[in-house]
Amino acid sequence: LVLITSKGLFGGMSAGCFSTLGNNPFDVIKTRLQGTNASKYASTYDCFQQILRNEGVSAFYVGVVPRMGRVVPGQGIIFMSFETIQQALEQFQFFQ
């Protein structure tokens, strides 16, 4: 049970880490398009281009640390909980 629990925890935390790194650029663009200066962008692609040209690649990862602090533990707990509940339910004939 401990091995399955820890594998679920670390697997979920890894998934949370990679999903945050992959999604953060899209969240930055979305946030810019919803913000008070949204009118300076003609489209989503224009927003992407302006950020890249004026601020560089690192601008797509602004706010990534606090987001990881929220997402990574949460995903770890969700994966761990799923694995633990699934293992507990497999003891019953109904769930096999």
N, C-alpha and C. Protein backbone atom coordinates (compact mmCIF):
# COMPACT_ATOMS: atom_id res chain seq x y z
N LEU A 1 0.83 -1.21 0.00
CA LEU A 1 0.00 0.00 0.00
C LEU A 1 0.87 1.26 0.00
N VAL A 2 1.97 1.24 0.76
CA VAL A 2 2.83 2.42 0.85
C VAL A 2 3.47 2.72 -0.50
N LEU A 3 3.91 1.66 -1.21
CA LEU A 3 4.54 1.85 -2.52
C LEU A 3 3.55 2.42 -3.51
N ILE A 4 2.35 1.89 -3.54
CA ILE A 4 1.33 2.37 -4.45
C ILE A 4 0.94 3.81 -4.11
N THR A 5 0.83 4.10 -2.81
CA THR A 5 0.48 5.44 -2.37
C THR A 5 1.55 6.44 -2.79
N SER A 6 2.82 6.10 -2.55
CA SER A 6 3.89 7.04 -2.90
C SER A 6 4.04 7.17 -4.42
N LYS A 7 3.83 6.08 -5.15
CA LYS A 7 3.90 6.17 -6.61
C LYS A 7 2.79 7.08 -7.14
N GLY A 8 1.61 6.96 -6.57
CA GLY A 8 0.51 7.83 -6.96
C GLY A 8 0.78 9.28 -6.64
N LEU A 9 1.34 9.51 -5.45
CA LEU A 9 1.66 10.86 -5.03
C LEU A 9 2.70 11.49 -5.96
N PHE A 10 3.81 10.79 -6.18
CA PHE A 10 4.87 11.36 -7.02
C PHE A 10 4.49 11.40 -8.50
N GLY A 11 3.69 10.43 -8.93
CA GLY A 11 3.20 10.47 -10.31
C GLY A 11 2.29 11.67 -10.53
N GLY A 12 1.42 11.93 -9.58
CA GLY A 12 0.53 13.08 -9.68
C GLY A 12 1.28 14.40 -9.60
N MET A 13 2.28 14.44 -8.72
CA MET A 13 3.08 15.66 -8.62
C MET A 13 3.86 15.92 -9.90
N SER A 14 4.37 14.86 -10.51
CA SER A 14 5.07 15.01 -11.80
C SER A 14 4.11 15.51 -12.87
N ALA A 15 2.92 14.93 -12.91
CA ALA A 15 1.93 15.37 -13.89
C ALA A 15 1.57 16.83 -13.67
N GLY A 16 1.43 17.24 -12.42
CA GLY A 16 1.13 18.64 -12.10
C GLY A 16 2.24 19.57 -12.54
N CYS A 17 3.46 19.13 -12.35
CA CYS A 17 4.62 19.94 -12.75
C CYS A 17 4.66 20.14 -14.26
N PHE A 18 4.54 19.04 -15.00
CA PHE A 18 4.62 19.13 -16.46
C PHE A 18 3.41 19.85 -17.05
N SER A 19 2.24 19.65 -16.46
CA SER A 19 1.06 20.34 -17.00
C SER A 19 1.16 21.85 -16.76
N THR A 20 1.71 22.23 -15.62
CA THR A 20 1.90 23.66 -15.33
C THR A 20 2.88 24.28 -16.30
N LEU A 21 4.00 23.60 -16.53
CA LEU A 21 5.00 24.13 -17.46
C LEU A 21 4.46 24.21 -18.89
N GLY A 22 3.62 23.26 -19.27
CA GLY A 22 3.04 23.28 -20.61
C GLY A 22 1.92 24.27 -20.79
N ASN A 23 1.14 24.49 -19.74
CA ASN A 23 -0.04 25.36 -19.85
C ASN A 23 0.22 26.81 -19.52
N ASN A 24 1.29 27.11 -18.79
CA ASN A 24 1.51 28.48 -18.33
C ASN A 24 1.58 29.50 -19.47
N PRO A 25 2.27 29.20 -20.57
CA PRO A 25 2.28 30.19 -21.66
C PRO A 25 0.86 30.54 -22.16
N PHE A 26 0.00 29.55 -22.23
CA PHE A 26 -1.38 29.80 -22.66
C PHE A 26 -2.13 30.64 -21.63
N ASP A 27 -1.88 30.38 -20.35
CA ASP A 27 -2.51 31.17 -19.30
C ASP A 27 -2.05 32.62 -19.32
N VAL A 28 -0.77 32.83 -19.61
CA VAL A 28 -0.25 34.21 -19.69
C VAL A 28 -0.96 34.95 -20.82
N ILE A 29 -1.06 34.31 -21.98
CA ILE A 29 -1.74 34.94 -23.13
C ILE A 29 -3.20 35.22 -22.79
N LYS A 30 -3.88 34.23 -22.19
CA LYS A 30 -5.29 34.41 -21.82
C LYS A 30 -5.47 35.57 -20.85
N THR A 31 -4.58 35.64 -19.86
CA THR A 31 -4.65 36.70 -18.87
C THR A 31 -4.44 38.07 -19.51
N ARG A 32 -3.49 38.16 -20.42
CA ARG A 32 -3.25 39.43 -21.11
C ARG A 32 -4.46 39.84 -21.94
N LEU A 33 -5.08 38.86 -22.60
CA LEU A 33 -6.25 39.18 -23.43
C LEU A 33 -7.48 39.54 -22.62
N GLN A 34 -7.51 39.16 -21.35
CA GLN A 34 -8.64 39.48 -20.48
C GLN A 34 -8.37 40.70 -19.61
N GLY A 35 -7.14 41.21 -19.65
CA GLY A 35 -6.76 42.32 -18.78
C GLY A 35 -7.19 43.67 -19.28
N THR A 36 -6.82 44.70 -18.55
CA THR A 36 -7.22 46.07 -18.88
C THR A 36 -6.53 46.60 -20.14
N ASN A 37 -5.40 46.02 -20.53
CA ASN A 37 -4.70 46.45 -21.74
C ASN A 37 -4.95 45.52 -22.92
N ALA A 38 -6.04 44.79 -22.89
CA ALA A 38 -6.34 43.82 -23.94
C ALA A 38 -6.52 44.46 -25.31
N SER A 39 -6.89 45.72 -25.32
CA SER A 39 -7.15 46.39 -26.61
C SER A 39 -5.89 46.58 -27.44
N LYS A 40 -4.73 46.44 -26.85
CA LYS A 40 -3.50 46.62 -27.63
C LYS A 40 -3.13 45.37 -28.44
N TYR A 41 -3.91 44.30 -28.29
CA TYR A 41 -3.68 43.06 -29.04
C TYR A 41 -4.79 42.88 -30.07
N ALA A 42 -4.41 42.59 -31.30
CA ALA A 42 -5.39 42.38 -32.36
C ALA A 42 -5.98 40.98 -32.33
N SER A 43 -5.21 40.02 -31.83
CA SER A 43 -5.66 38.63 -31.80
C SER A 43 -4.80 37.85 -30.80
N THR A 44 -5.14 36.60 -30.63
CA THR A 44 -4.35 35.74 -29.75
C THR A 44 -2.92 35.61 -30.28
N TYR A 45 -2.80 35.41 -31.58
CA TYR A 45 -1.47 35.28 -32.19
C TYR A 45 -0.68 36.58 -32.06
N ASP A 46 -1.35 37.70 -32.21
CA ASP A 46 -0.68 39.00 -32.05
C ASP A 46 -0.18 39.16 -30.61
N CYS A 47 -0.97 38.74 -29.66
CA CYS A 47 -0.56 38.79 -28.26
C CYS A 47 0.69 37.94 -28.05
N PHE A 48 0.68 36.73 -28.59
CA PHE A 48 1.84 35.84 -28.51
C PHE A 48 3.07 36.50 -29.11
N GLN A 49 2.93 37.05 -30.29
CA GLN A 49 4.06 37.69 -30.97
C GLN A 49 4.61 38.87 -30.17
N GLN A 50 3.72 39.72 -29.68
CA GLN A 50 4.17 40.89 -28.93
C GLN A 50 4.90 40.51 -27.64
N ILE A 51 4.37 39.52 -26.95
CA ILE A 51 5.04 39.07 -25.72
C ILE A 51 6.42 38.54 -26.06
N LEU A 52 6.49 37.68 -27.06
CA LEU A 52 7.77 37.09 -27.45
C LEU A 52 8.77 38.15 -27.91
N ARG A 53 8.32 39.07 -28.73
CA ARG A 53 9.19 40.10 -29.29
C ARG A 53 9.65 41.10 -28.23
N ASN A 54 8.72 41.57 -27.40
CA ASN A 54 9.03 42.64 -26.46
C ASN A 54 9.57 42.18 -25.12
N GLU A 55 9.20 40.97 -24.69
CA GLU A 55 9.58 40.54 -23.34
C GLU A 55 10.39 39.26 -23.31
N GLY A 56 10.39 38.50 -24.39
CA GLY A 56 11.15 37.26 -24.44
C GLY A 56 10.38 36.06 -23.93
N VAL A 57 10.99 34.90 -24.08
CA VAL A 57 10.35 33.64 -23.72
C VAL A 57 10.03 33.57 -22.23
N SER A 58 10.88 34.15 -21.40
CA SER A 58 10.66 34.06 -19.96
C SER A 58 9.34 34.71 -19.53
N ALA A 59 8.82 35.63 -20.31
CA ALA A 59 7.54 36.27 -19.97
C ALA A 59 6.38 35.27 -19.98
N PHE A 60 6.51 34.19 -20.72
CA PHE A 60 5.46 33.17 -20.75
C PHE A 60 5.43 32.34 -19.46
N TYR A 61 6.45 32.50 -18.63
CA TYR A 61 6.51 31.74 -17.40
C TYR A 61 6.41 32.62 -16.15
N VAL A 62 5.92 33.83 -16.33
CA VAL A 62 5.66 34.70 -15.19
C VAL A 62 4.55 34.07 -14.34
N GLY A 63 4.77 33.96 -13.06
CA GLY A 63 3.78 33.38 -12.17
C GLY A 63 3.78 31.88 -12.09
N VAL A 64 4.77 31.23 -12.69
CA VAL A 64 4.79 29.77 -12.72
C VAL A 64 5.06 29.16 -11.34
N VAL A 65 5.86 29.82 -10.51
CA VAL A 65 6.20 29.24 -9.20
C VAL A 65 4.98 29.19 -8.27
N PRO A 66 4.22 30.28 -8.12
CA PRO A 66 3.03 30.16 -7.26
C PRO A 66 2.01 29.16 -7.81
N ARG A 67 1.90 29.10 -9.13
CA ARG A 67 0.95 28.16 -9.72
C ARG A 67 1.39 26.73 -9.44
N MET A 68 2.69 26.46 -9.55
CA MET A 68 3.18 25.11 -9.23
C MET A 68 2.95 24.79 -7.76
N GLY A 69 3.09 25.79 -6.91
CA GLY A 69 2.84 25.58 -5.50
C GLY A 69 1.42 25.17 -5.20
N ARG A 70 0.51 25.52 -6.07
CA ARG A 70 -0.89 25.14 -5.91
C ARG A 70 -1.21 23.85 -6.65
N VAL A 71 -0.75 23.72 -7.88
CA VAL A 71 -1.14 22.60 -8.73
C VAL A 71 -0.41 21.30 -8.37
N VAL A 72 0.89 21.38 -8.13
CA VAL A 72 1.68 20.16 -7.92
C VAL A 72 1.20 19.35 -6.71
N PRO A 73 1.06 19.95 -5.53
CA PRO A 73 0.55 19.15 -4.41
C PRO A 73 -0.88 18.66 -4.63
N GLY A 74 -1.70 19.49 -5.23
CA GLY A 74 -3.08 19.11 -5.49
C GLY A 74 -3.20 17.90 -6.39
N GLN A 75 -2.42 17.88 -7.47
CA GLN A 75 -2.44 16.74 -8.38
C GLN A 75 -1.88 15.50 -7.69
N GLY A 76 -0.85 15.68 -6.87
CA GLY A 76 -0.31 14.54 -6.13
C GLY A 76 -1.34 13.91 -5.22
N ILE A 77 -2.10 14.74 -4.53
CA ILE A 77 -3.13 14.24 -3.61
C ILE A 77 -4.24 13.56 -4.39
N ILE A 78 -4.63 14.13 -5.52
CA ILE A 78 -5.70 13.52 -6.33
C ILE A 78 -5.28 12.15 -6.84
N PHE A 79 -4.07 12.04 -7.40
CA PHE A 79 -3.60 10.76 -7.91
C PHE A 79 -3.47 9.74 -6.78
N MET A 80 -2.90 10.15 -5.65
CA MET A 80 -2.72 9.26 -4.51
C MET A 80 -4.07 8.78 -3.99
N SER A 81 -5.03 9.69 -3.89
CA SER A 81 -6.36 9.32 -3.41
C SER A 81 -7.03 8.32 -4.35
N PHE A 82 -6.92 8.57 -5.63
CA PHE A 82 -7.52 7.66 -6.62
C PHE A 82 -6.93 6.26 -6.48
N GLU A 83 -5.60 6.17 -6.42
CA GLU A 83 -4.95 4.87 -6.31
C GLU A 83 -5.34 4.16 -5.02
N THR A 84 -5.41 4.88 -3.92
CA THR A 84 -5.75 4.29 -2.63
C THR A 84 -7.19 3.79 -2.62
N ILE A 85 -8.10 4.60 -3.13
CA ILE A 85 -9.52 4.21 -3.17
C ILE A 85 -9.72 3.04 -4.12
N GLN A 86 -9.05 3.08 -5.27
CA GLN A 86 -9.17 1.99 -6.23
C GLN A 86 -8.68 0.68 -5.62
N GLN A 87 -7.56 0.71 -4.93
CA GLN A 87 -7.04 -0.49 -4.29
C GLN A 87 -7.98 -1.00 -3.20
N ALA A 88 -8.56 -0.09 -2.44
CA ALA A 88 -9.49 -0.50 -1.38
C ALA A 88 -10.75 -1.12 -1.98
N LEU A 89 -11.25 -0.59 -3.07
CA LEU A 89 -12.47 -1.11 -3.69
C LEU A 89 -12.25 -2.44 -4.41
N GLU A 90 -11.03 -2.72 -4.83
CA GLU A 90 -10.74 -3.97 -5.53
C GLU A 90 -10.89 -5.19 -4.62
N GLN A 91 -10.97 -4.97 -3.33
CA GLN A 91 -11.18 -6.09 -2.40
C GLN A 91 -12.58 -6.65 -2.50
N PHE A 92 -13.51 -5.87 -3.02
CA PHE A 92 -14.90 -6.29 -3.11
C PHE A 92 -15.17 -6.94 -4.46
N GLN A 93 -15.92 -8.01 -4.47
CA GLN A 93 -16.26 -8.76 -5.69
C GLN A 93 -16.94 -7.86 -6.72
N PHE A 94 -17.77 -6.93 -6.26
CA PHE A 94 -18.54 -6.06 -7.14
C PHE A 94 -17.64 -5.22 -8.06
N PHE A 95 -16.45 -4.82 -7.60
CA PHE A 95 -15.58 -3.92 -8.34
C PHE A 95 -14.48 -4.64 -9.12
N GLN A 96 -14.54 -5.96 -9.21
CA GLN A 96 -13.49 -6.69 -9.93
C GLN A 96 -13.88 -6.97 -11.35
